[in-house]
Protein backbone atom coordinates (compact mmCIF):
# COMPACT_ATOMS: atom_id res chain seq x y z
CA MET A 1 -153.11 70.11 -98.06
CA THR A 2 -156.41 69.26 -99.92
CA THR A 3 -156.45 70.16 -103.56
CA ILE A 4 -158.96 73.13 -104.33
CA LEU A 5 -160.23 73.96 -107.67
CA PHE A 6 -161.66 77.78 -107.38
CA THR A 7 -164.21 78.93 -110.04
CA GLY A 8 -164.20 83.04 -110.69
CA GLY A 9 -160.37 82.57 -109.47
CA SER A 10 -159.88 86.20 -111.51
CA GLY A 11 -162.00 88.09 -109.29
CA LEU A 12 -161.48 90.02 -106.28
CA LEU A 13 -161.92 87.40 -103.90
CA GLY A 14 -160.15 84.84 -105.91
CA SER A 15 -157.27 87.12 -106.24
CA GLU A 16 -156.65 86.69 -102.38
CA PHE A 17 -157.21 83.14 -101.98
CA LYS A 18 -154.16 82.74 -104.89
CA LYS A 19 -152.13 84.19 -101.72
CA GLN A 20 -153.35 81.65 -99.50
CA TYR A 21 -153.87 78.38 -101.77
CA PRO A 22 -150.78 79.55 -104.41
CA SER A 23 -151.01 75.49 -105.89
CA ALA A 24 -154.56 74.90 -106.03
CA LEU A 25 -156.37 75.11 -109.42
CA TYR A 26 -157.97 78.48 -110.57
CA PRO A 27 -158.98 77.84 -114.47
CA THR A 28 -159.84 80.91 -116.83
CA HIS A 29 -163.38 81.48 -118.37
CA LYS A 30 -161.99 79.62 -121.30
CA GLU A 31 -160.64 76.55 -119.40
CA LEU A 32 -163.98 76.27 -117.10
CA ASP A 33 -166.96 77.87 -118.09
CA VAL A 34 -169.58 77.22 -115.36
CA THR A 35 -172.77 78.08 -117.90
CA ASP A 36 -171.57 75.37 -119.80
CA LYS A 37 -172.13 71.64 -118.84
CA ASP A 38 -169.47 70.09 -121.16
CA SER A 39 -166.88 72.33 -120.11
CA ILE A 40 -167.41 71.48 -116.14
CA GLU A 41 -167.47 67.90 -117.25
CA THR A 42 -164.36 68.32 -119.23
CA TYR A 43 -162.14 69.88 -116.37
CA PHE A 44 -163.46 67.89 -113.75
CA LYS A 45 -162.17 64.64 -115.60
CA LEU A 46 -158.90 66.59 -116.67
CA HIS A 47 -157.89 67.63 -113.49
CA SER A 48 -157.61 65.96 -109.74
CA PHE A 49 -159.02 68.02 -106.68
CA SER A 50 -161.10 67.03 -104.27
CA THR A 51 -163.03 70.60 -103.19
CA VAL A 52 -164.60 73.14 -105.45
CA VAL A 53 -164.83 76.66 -104.22
CA HIS A 54 -167.49 78.13 -106.20
CA LEU A 55 -166.67 82.25 -106.51
CA ALA A 56 -167.93 82.56 -109.98
CA ALA A 57 -170.90 84.66 -110.03
CA PHE A 58 -172.19 87.75 -111.78
CA ILE A 59 -173.02 90.58 -108.80
CA SER A 60 -174.25 93.37 -110.03
CA PRO A 61 -177.61 94.47 -108.57
CA PRO A 62 -178.38 97.45 -111.00
CA LYS A 63 -177.47 95.34 -114.26
CA ILE A 64 -179.17 92.62 -113.00
CA ASN A 65 -182.45 94.46 -112.66
CA GLU A 66 -181.63 95.70 -116.31
CA ASN A 67 -181.02 91.82 -117.38
CA PRO A 68 -182.05 89.25 -114.88
CA ARG A 69 -181.00 86.64 -117.58
CA LEU A 70 -177.23 87.22 -116.72
CA ALA A 71 -177.98 86.26 -113.03
CA LEU A 72 -180.21 83.38 -114.05
CA LYS A 73 -177.52 81.97 -116.50
CA THR A 74 -174.54 82.46 -113.88
CA ASN A 75 -175.76 82.36 -110.60
CA ILE A 76 -178.64 79.65 -110.66
CA CYS A 77 -178.13 77.75 -113.74
CA GLY A 78 -173.93 77.96 -113.55
CA SER A 79 -174.23 77.19 -109.84
CA ALA A 80 -176.88 73.88 -110.19
CA TYR A 81 -174.13 72.73 -113.34
CA VAL A 82 -171.53 73.01 -110.85
CA VAL A 83 -173.29 70.92 -108.08
CA ASP A 84 -174.37 68.41 -110.27
CA ALA A 85 -170.38 67.91 -111.39
CA CYS A 86 -169.58 68.08 -107.54
CA ILE A 87 -172.12 64.85 -106.93
CA ARG A 88 -171.38 63.12 -109.70
CA HIS A 89 -167.46 63.39 -109.05
CA SER A 90 -167.86 63.07 -105.27
CA LYS A 91 -166.52 66.59 -104.51
CA LYS A 92 -166.85 68.83 -101.73
CA LEU A 93 -168.73 72.41 -102.50
CA VAL A 94 -167.68 75.41 -100.92
CA TYR A 95 -170.32 78.05 -102.23
CA LEU A 96 -169.93 81.88 -101.10
CA SER A 97 -173.63 83.67 -100.79
CA THR A 98 -174.52 86.97 -99.67
CA ASP A 99 -175.79 88.57 -96.55
CA TYR A 100 -178.42 89.99 -99.07
CA VAL A 101 -180.45 86.94 -98.52
CA PHE A 102 -181.91 88.35 -95.98
CA SER A 103 -184.74 91.11 -95.74
CA GLY A 104 -182.79 93.67 -93.99
CA LYS A 105 -185.70 94.60 -91.95
CA LYS A 106 -183.65 93.37 -88.30
CA GLY A 107 -179.92 92.79 -88.80
CA ASN A 108 -177.93 90.68 -86.58
CA TYR A 109 -179.41 87.55 -88.70
CA LYS A 110 -178.35 83.80 -87.44
CA GLU A 111 -177.72 81.08 -90.10
CA GLU A 112 -181.36 79.49 -89.05
CA ASP A 113 -182.90 82.90 -89.63
CA ALA A 114 -185.82 83.32 -92.36
CA ILE A 115 -184.46 84.26 -95.89
CA PHE A 116 -186.37 86.65 -98.05
CA PRO A 117 -184.39 88.56 -100.80
CA VAL A 118 -185.43 92.15 -101.50
CA ASN A 119 -183.61 92.43 -105.02
CA LYS A 120 -183.31 90.28 -108.11
CA TYR A 121 -179.42 89.90 -107.35
CA ALA A 122 -179.88 88.30 -103.92
CA TRP A 123 -182.71 86.02 -105.33
CA SER A 124 -180.40 84.64 -107.71
CA LYS A 125 -177.57 84.04 -104.67
CA LEU A 126 -180.26 82.17 -103.07
CA GLY A 127 -181.23 80.13 -106.06
CA GLY A 128 -177.43 79.09 -105.87
CA GLU A 129 -177.74 78.20 -102.64
CA CYS A 130 -181.04 76.41 -103.06
CA ALA A 131 -179.06 73.98 -105.91
CA VAL A 132 -176.00 73.48 -103.35
CA ARG A 133 -178.17 72.19 -100.39
CA LEU A 134 -179.29 69.23 -102.96
CA SER A 135 -175.51 68.28 -102.02
CA ASP A 136 -174.64 65.95 -99.13
CA ASN A 137 -171.25 67.67 -98.61
CA TYR A 138 -171.10 71.15 -98.81
CA LEU A 139 -170.27 74.70 -96.81
CA ILE A 140 -172.36 77.63 -97.67
CA ILE A 141 -170.72 80.88 -96.41
CA ARG A 142 -172.70 83.99 -96.67
CA THR A 143 -170.76 87.12 -96.21
CA SER A 144 -170.17 90.29 -97.49
CA PHE A 145 -166.55 91.89 -98.96
CA GLY A 146 -165.29 95.29 -100.79
CA PRO A 147 -161.91 95.86 -101.68
CA ASN A 148 -159.22 96.79 -98.99
CA VAL A 149 -159.17 100.56 -100.31
CA PHE A 150 -162.84 101.83 -100.91
CA PRO A 151 -163.51 102.25 -104.41
CA HIS A 152 -166.63 104.27 -104.37
CA GLU A 153 -166.85 108.34 -104.22
CA LYS A 154 -170.04 108.08 -101.88
CA ALA A 155 -171.09 105.49 -99.39
CA PHE A 156 -174.81 104.99 -97.33
CA ILE A 157 -175.39 106.24 -94.15
CA ASP A 158 -178.56 104.30 -93.60
CA GLN A 159 -177.69 100.72 -94.89
CA TRP A 160 -175.73 98.62 -91.87
CA THR A 161 -173.71 95.47 -92.63
CA SER A 162 -170.89 93.15 -91.51
CA ARG A 163 -168.68 93.83 -94.43
CA GLU A 164 -164.90 93.77 -94.24
CA THR A 165 -162.30 94.00 -96.68
CA VAL A 166 -161.40 91.37 -99.08
CA SER A 167 -158.38 90.22 -97.48
CA VAL A 168 -160.00 89.79 -94.19
CA ILE A 169 -162.67 87.53 -95.50
CA ALA A 170 -160.46 85.88 -97.61
CA LYS A 171 -158.29 84.79 -94.34
CA LYS A 172 -161.75 83.87 -92.32
CA VAL A 173 -163.21 81.87 -95.16
CA GLY A 174 -159.80 80.07 -95.72
CA MET A 175 -159.95 78.77 -91.56
CA LEU A 176 -163.20 77.62 -92.52
CA ILE A 177 -161.75 75.33 -95.75
CA ASN A 178 -159.22 74.42 -93.64
CA LYS A 179 -160.91 72.91 -90.86
CA ASN A 180 -163.19 71.28 -93.19
CA ALA A 181 -166.58 72.87 -92.09
CA THR A 182 -169.97 71.92 -93.63
CA GLY A 183 -173.15 73.16 -93.52
CA VAL A 184 -173.79 77.21 -93.39
CA PHE A 185 -172.16 79.89 -91.37
CA HIS A 186 -171.74 83.68 -91.46
CA VAL A 187 -168.64 85.42 -91.69
CA GLY A 188 -167.96 89.08 -91.64
CA GLY A 189 -166.81 91.83 -89.06
CA LYS A 190 -168.93 94.19 -86.77
CA LYS A 191 -172.05 95.85 -87.30
CA ARG A 192 -171.54 99.38 -88.47
CA SER A 193 -173.08 101.64 -91.84
CA VAL A 194 -171.47 101.52 -94.88
CA PHE A 195 -170.33 104.77 -94.54
CA ASP A 196 -168.79 104.11 -91.28
CA TYR A 197 -167.12 100.97 -93.16
CA ALA A 198 -166.10 103.04 -96.07
CA THR A 199 -163.97 105.80 -93.86
CA GLU A 200 -162.05 102.94 -92.09
CA LYS A 201 -161.07 101.89 -95.69
CA LYS A 202 -160.34 105.74 -97.24
CA ARG A 203 -159.87 106.66 -100.46
CA LYS A 204 -157.33 109.37 -101.03
CA VAL A 205 -160.11 111.71 -101.53
CA SER A 206 -162.66 112.33 -98.93
CA ILE A 207 -166.08 109.75 -99.21
CA GLN A 208 -169.63 111.71 -99.20
CA LYS A 209 -172.69 110.41 -97.66
CA ALA A 210 -175.35 109.21 -99.74
CA SER A 211 -178.77 106.91 -99.03
CA ILE A 212 -180.29 103.81 -100.15
CA LYS A 213 -183.28 105.61 -100.99
CA ASP A 214 -181.36 107.59 -103.77
CA VAL A 215 -180.69 104.50 -106.03
CA PRO A 216 -183.24 103.07 -108.64
CA PHE A 217 -183.20 99.69 -107.26
CA LEU A 218 -184.11 98.06 -103.77
CA LEU A 219 -181.07 97.61 -101.28
CA PRO A 220 -181.88 95.90 -97.77
CA THR A 221 -181.57 98.42 -94.81
CA ASP A 222 -179.76 96.12 -92.26
CA THR A 223 -178.26 92.88 -93.44
CA SER A 224 -175.92 92.72 -90.55
CA LEU A 225 -174.71 89.15 -89.30
CA ASN A 226 -174.19 86.93 -86.14
CA THR A 227 -171.05 85.53 -86.37
CA ASN A 228 -171.29 83.44 -83.10
CA LYS A 229 -171.07 80.26 -84.91
CA TYR A 230 -168.01 80.88 -86.75
CA LYS A 231 -166.32 82.32 -83.73
CA LYS A 232 -167.48 79.14 -81.96
CA PHE A 233 -166.00 76.73 -84.37
CA ILE A 234 -163.10 78.37 -84.94
CA LYS A 235 -162.16 78.20 -81.28
CA ASN A 236 -163.43 74.80 -80.41
CA GLY A 237 -163.11 73.15 -83.88
CA LYS A 238 -167.04 72.28 -83.66
CA ILE A 239 -170.56 73.97 -83.22
């Protein structure tokens, strides 16, 4: 099995990957800081691996609206530093992106559809995508996931998504990694409202309905993903 380095391994998705890849490398922030070029270089020189799965990111849209420099530092500059190291050390790079790179005006987005984020968080993740595409050996995965039990008291009735639980997405992403996929893939489940998704992943108390119009930052309306390319690749091993 190829040795893998996971950045941001202590996060929600990284915690699931630890179950699939227990022998992989999961450095702490102190051991590997993606916003520090010297930290990245030192870690790359001291450890042996062939693939980097880049999960480290700042992902809160409202906090990024308040302080976009946080996203600039981690999601754009940090990703660029990781890409640079992967190019220089000949490592494959797997980048976890977001369905929010799309405008959300039509849904059922294919990999080749036009991208146009509506908020600063999504622009920062797209900035990471741009850096990754400068590498010759990469896999970009656009997806959306949440905890295995829906954590919030309210859910949007007017936002549509292909979101799945983190355990499901980790397994699907793992299949792409194991099959050495390259390029861009959309990974997710069926299209549904966030409220419908949330009520399937029930809390101990009832989930209330909410609207994206009620939040003080922009959210795309329909970022559901077309996953036919993924399904075909997993079935046949080719696109």
